């Protein structure tokens, strides 16, 4: 159940982001290379104790 709630919250957050972006105009896609860099940072650096 907790995983389902987490997935629902993440889906709602993403939907809100997309809706807001569409209100501002046509969104500019983020290049896959940037997505890959940000994903790596989020999974390997963000929130890690140094």
PDB file of N, CA and C in Angstrom:
ATOM      1  N   UNK A   1       0.828  -1.197   0.000  1.00  0.00           N
ATOM      2  CA  UNK A   1       0.000   0.000   0.000  1.00  0.00           C
ATOM      3  C   UNK A   1       0.869   1.257   0.000  1.00  0.00           C
ATOM      4  N   UNK A   2       1.946   1.253   0.780  1.00  0.00           N
ATOM      5  CA  UNK A   2       2.815   2.433   0.832  1.00  0.00           C
ATOM      6  C   UNK A   2       3.421   2.735  -0.533  1.00  0.00           C
ATOM      7  N   UNK A   3       3.816   1.691  -1.256  1.00  0.00           N
ATOM      8  CA  UNK A   3       4.378   1.898  -2.598  1.00  0.00           C
ATOM      9  C   UNK A   3       3.346   2.501  -3.534  1.00  0.00           C
ATOM     10  N   UNK A   4       2.094   2.074  -3.403  1.00  0.00           N
ATOM     11  CA  UNK A   4       1.029   2.604  -4.256  1.00  0.00           C
ATOM     12  C   UNK A   4       0.780   4.076  -3.949  1.00  0.00           C
ATOM     13  N   UNK A   5       0.799   4.438  -2.681  1.00  0.00           N
ATOM     14  CA  UNK A   5       0.601   5.842  -2.297  1.00  0.00           C
ATOM     15  C   UNK A   5       1.758   6.688  -2.813  1.00  0.00           C
ATOM     16  N   UNK A   6       2.981   6.182  -2.667  1.00  0.00           N
ATOM     17  CA  UNK A   6       4.148   6.912  -3.166  1.00  0.00           C
ATOM     18  C   UNK A   6       4.042   7.121  -4.673  1.00  0.00           C
ATOM     19  N   UNK A   7       3.646   6.076  -5.406  1.00  0.00           N
ATOM     20  CA  UNK A   7       3.496   6.187  -6.860  1.00  0.00           C
ATOM     21  C   UNK A   7       2.410   7.188  -7.219  1.00  0.00           C
ATOM     22  N   UNK A   8       1.311   7.193  -6.474  1.00  0.00           N
ATOM     23  CA  UNK A   8       0.221   8.129  -6.747  1.00  0.00           C
ATOM     24  C   UNK A   8       0.664   9.571  -6.510  1.00  0.00           C
ATOM     25  N   UNK A   9       1.394   9.806  -5.436  1.00  0.00           N
ATOM     26  CA  UNK A   9       1.877  11.161  -5.133  1.00  0.00           C
ATOM     27  C   UNK A   9       2.857  11.622  -6.204  1.00  0.00           C
ATOM     28  N   UNK A  10       3.757  10.736  -6.618  1.00  0.00           N
ATOM     29  CA  UNK A  10       4.718  11.098  -7.663  1.00  0.00           C
ATOM     30  C   UNK A  10       3.997  11.402  -8.976  1.00  0.00           C
ATOM     31  N   UNK A  11       2.969  10.627  -9.297  1.00  0.00           N
ATOM     32  CA  UNK A  11       2.198  10.860 -10.518  1.00  0.00           C
ATOM     33  C   UNK A  11       1.499  12.208 -10.460  1.00  0.00           C
ATOM     34  N   UNK A  12       0.901  12.532  -9.324  1.00  0.00           N
ATOM     35  CA  UNK A  12       0.235  13.830  -9.172  1.00  0.00           C
ATOM     36  C   UNK A  12       1.240  14.977  -9.277  1.00  0.00           C
ATOM     37  N   UNK A  13       2.403  14.824  -8.674  1.00  0.00           N
ATOM     38  CA  UNK A  13       3.439  15.865  -8.760  1.00  0.00           C
ATOM     39  C   UNK A  13       3.870  16.078 -10.211  1.00  0.00           C
ATOM     40  N   UNK A  14       4.081  14.986 -10.930  1.00  0.00           N
ATOM     41  CA  UNK A  14       4.476  15.100 -12.336  1.00  0.00           C
ATOM     42  C   UNK A  14       3.372  15.729 -13.169  1.00  0.00           C
ATOM     43  N   UNK A  15       2.138  15.353 -12.911  1.00  0.00           N
ATOM     44  CA  UNK A  15       1.014  15.929 -13.650  1.00  0.00           C
ATOM     45  C   UNK A  15       0.926  17.432 -13.401  1.00  0.00           C
ATOM     46  N   UNK A  16       1.144  17.860 -12.168  1.00  0.00           N
ATOM     47  CA  UNK A  16       1.107  19.287 -11.853  1.00  0.00           C
ATOM     48  C   UNK A  16       2.223  20.031 -12.578  1.00  0.00           C
ATOM     49  N   UNK A  17       3.400  19.435 -12.642  1.00  0.00           N
ATOM     50  CA  UNK A  17       4.526  20.051 -13.341  1.00  0.00           C
ATOM     51  C   UNK A  17       4.231  20.197 -14.825  1.00  0.00           C
ATOM     52  N   UNK A  18       3.694  19.140 -15.429  1.00  0.00           N
ATOM     53  CA  UNK A  18       3.361  19.186 -16.859  1.00  0.00           C
ATOM     54  C   UNK A  18       2.274  20.220 -17.110  1.00  0.00           C
ATOM     55  N   UNK A  19       1.250  20.246 -16.265  1.00  0.00           N
ATOM     56  CA  UNK A  19       0.161  21.210 -16.440  1.00  0.00           C
ATOM     57  C   UNK A  19       0.708  22.638 -16.383  1.00  0.00           C
ATOM     58  N   UNK A  20       1.562  22.917 -15.397  1.00  0.00           N
ATOM     59  CA  UNK A  20       2.132  24.257 -15.264  1.00  0.00           C
ATOM     60  C   UNK A  20       2.982  24.602 -16.479  1.00  0.00           C
ATOM     61  N   UNK A  21       3.794  23.677 -16.935  1.00  0.00           N
ATOM     62  CA  UNK A  21       4.632  23.927 -18.111  1.00  0.00           C
ATOM     63  C   UNK A  21       3.771  24.255 -19.322  1.00  0.00           C
ATOM     64  N   UNK A  22       2.668  23.550 -19.481  1.00  0.00           N
ATOM     65  CA  UNK A  22       1.785  23.803 -20.625  1.00  0.00           C
ATOM     66  C   UNK A  22       1.114  25.171 -20.528  1.00  0.00           C
ATOM     67  N   UNK A  23       0.890  25.672 -19.311  1.00  0.00           N
ATOM     68  CA  UNK A  23       0.298  26.996 -19.142  1.00  0.00           C
ATOM     69  C   UNK A  23       1.264  28.091 -19.590  1.00  0.00           C
ATOM     70  N   UNK A  24       2.553  27.790 -19.526  1.00  0.00           N
ATOM     71  CA  UNK A  24       3.576  28.767 -19.896  1.00  0.00           C
ATOM     72  C   UNK A  24       3.907  28.745 -21.381  1.00  0.00           C
ATOM     73  N   UNK A  25       3.407  27.745 -22.099  1.00  0.00           N
ATOM     74  CA  UNK A  25       3.687  27.623 -23.527  1.00  0.00           C
ATOM     75  C   UNK A  25       4.086  26.201 -23.865  1.00  0.00           C
ATOM     76  N   UNK A  26       4.711  26.056 -25.003  1.00  0.00           N
ATOM     77  CA  UNK A  26       5.156  24.738 -25.435  1.00  0.00           C
ATOM     78  C   UNK A  26       6.433  24.365 -24.685  1.00  0.00           C
ATOM     79  N   UNK A  27       6.389  23.271 -23.928  1.00  0.00           N
ATOM     80  CA  UNK A  27       7.594  22.870 -23.191  1.00  0.00           C
ATOM     81  C   UNK A  27       8.735  22.505 -24.143  1.00  0.00           C
ATOM     82  N   UNK A  28       9.944  22.803 -23.721  1.00  0.00           N
ATOM     83  CA  UNK A  28      11.135  22.443 -24.488  1.00  0.00           C
ATOM     84  C   UNK A  28      11.647  21.117 -23.924  1.00  0.00           C
ATOM     85  N   UNK A  29      11.731  20.087 -24.755  1.00  0.00           N
ATOM     86  CA  UNK A  29      12.201  18.790 -24.247  1.00  0.00           C
ATOM     87  C   UNK A  29      13.632  18.883 -23.705  1.00  0.00           C
ATOM     88  N   UNK A  30      13.879  18.133 -22.652  1.00  0.00           N
ATOM     89  CA  UNK A  30      15.222  18.053 -22.080  1.00  0.00           C
ATOM     90  C   UNK A  30      15.965  16.946 -22.823  1.00  0.00           C
ATOM     91  N   UNK A  31      17.161  17.238 -23.331  1.00  0.00           N
ATOM     92  CA  UNK A  31      17.926  16.209 -24.045  1.00  0.00           C
ATOM     93  C   UNK A  31      18.205  14.991 -23.151  1.00  0.00           C
ATOM     94  N   UNK A  32      18.217  13.810 -23.748  1.00  0.00           N
ATOM     95  CA  UNK A  32      18.446  12.578 -22.986  1.00  0.00           C
ATOM     96  C   UNK A  32      19.759  12.628 -22.217  1.00  0.00           C
ATOM     97  N   UNK A  33      20.782  13.263 -22.781  1.00  0.00           N
ATOM     98  CA  UNK A  33      22.074  13.347 -22.083  1.00  0.00           C
ATOM     99  C   UNK A  33      21.940  14.113 -20.766  1.00  0.00           C
ATOM    100  N   UNK A  34      21.117  15.154 -20.751  1.00  0.00           N
ATOM    101  CA  UNK A  34      20.890  15.918 -19.523  1.00  0.00           C
ATOM    102  C   UNK A  34      20.082  15.096 -18.525  1.00  0.00           C
ATOM    103  N   UNK A  35      19.089  14.374 -19.013  1.00  0.00           N
ATOM    104  CA  UNK A  35      18.291  13.508 -18.145  1.00  0.00           C
ATOM    105  C   UNK A  35      19.196  12.478 -17.487  1.00  0.00           C
ATOM    106  N   UNK A  36      20.084  11.886 -18.273  1.00  0.00           N
ATOM    107  CA  UNK A  36      21.005  10.880 -17.745  1.00  0.00           C
ATOM    108  C   UNK A  36      21.908  11.474 -16.663  1.00  0.00           C
ATOM    109  N   UNK A  37      22.442  12.688 -16.899  1.00  0.00           N
ATOM    110  CA  UNK A  37      23.304  13.339 -15.906  1.00  0.00           C
ATOM    111  C   UNK A  37      22.534  13.626 -14.620  1.00  0.00           C
ATOM    112  N   UNK A  38      21.316  14.155 -14.765  1.00  0.00           N
ATOM    113  CA  UNK A  38      20.514  14.481 -13.592  1.00  0.00           C
ATOM    114  C   UNK A  38      20.101  13.222 -12.834  1.00  0.00           C
ATOM    115  N   UNK A  39      19.768  12.165 -13.572  1.00  0.00           N
ATOM    116  CA  UNK A  39      19.396  10.908 -12.922  1.00  0.00           C
ATOM    117  C   UNK A  39      20.577  10.353 -12.137  1.00  0.00           C
ATOM    118  N   UNK A  40      21.766  10.386 -12.722  1.00  0.00           N
ATOM    119  CA  UNK A  40      22.959   9.912 -12.014  1.00  0.00           C
ATOM    120  C   UNK A  40      23.180  10.727 -10.740  1.00  0.00           C
ATOM    121  N   UNK A  41      23.075  12.045 -10.866  1.00  0.00           N
ATOM    122  CA  UNK A  41      23.282  12.908  -9.695  1.00  0.00           C
ATOM    123  C   UNK A  41      22.267  12.587  -8.605  1.00  0.00           C
ATOM    124  N   UNK A  42      21.009  12.414  -8.997  1.00  0.00           N
ATOM    125  CA  UNK A  42      19.955  12.121  -8.022  1.00  0.00           C
ATOM    126  C   UNK A  42      20.185  10.774  -7.341  1.00  0.00           C
ATOM    127  N   UNK A  43      20.623   9.775  -8.093  1.00  0.00           N
ATOM    128  CA  UNK A  43      20.769   8.435  -7.524  1.00  0.00           C
ATOM    129  C   UNK A  43      22.119   8.190  -6.853  1.00  0.00           C
ATOM    130  N   UNK A  44      23.132   9.018  -7.146  1.00  0.00           N
ATOM    131  CA  UNK A  44      24.457   8.762  -6.593  1.00  0.00           C
ATOM    132  C   UNK A  44      25.023   9.893  -5.727  1.00  0.00           C
ATOM    133  N   UNK A  45      24.480  11.091  -5.836  1.00  0.00           N
ATOM    134  CA  UNK A  45      25.062  12.231  -5.123  1.00  0.00           C
ATOM    135  C   UNK A  45      24.053  12.876  -4.178  1.00  0.00           C
ATOM    136  N   UNK A  46      22.873  13.168  -4.677  1.00  0.00           N
ATOM    137  CA  UNK A  46      21.856  13.901  -3.928  1.00  0.00           C
ATOM    138  C   UNK A  46      21.511  13.183  -2.625  1.00  0.00           C
ATOM    139  N   UNK A  47      21.622  13.903  -1.518  1.00  0.00           N
ATOM    140  CA  UNK A  47      21.240  13.356  -0.227  1.00  0.00           C
ATOM    141  C   UNK A  47      22.280  12.465   0.428  1.00  0.00           C
ATOM    142  N   UNK A  48      23.412  12.277  -0.216  1.00  0.00           N
ATOM    143  CA  UNK A  48      24.458  11.429   0.353  1.00  0.00           C
ATOM    144  C   UNK A  48      25.292  12.245   1.337  1.00  0.00           C
ATOM    145  N   UNK A  49      25.630  11.617   2.441  1.00  0.00           N
ATOM    146  CA  UNK A  49      26.497  12.279   3.421  1.00  0.00           C
ATOM    147  C   UNK A  49      27.927  12.262   2.903  1.00  0.00           C
ATOM    148  N   UNK A  50      28.593  13.370   3.080  1.00  0.00           N
ATOM    149  CA  UNK A  50      29.980  13.462   2.600  1.00  0.00           C
ATOM    150  C   UNK A  50      30.941  13.459   3.741  1.00  0.00           C
TER     151      UNK A  50
END
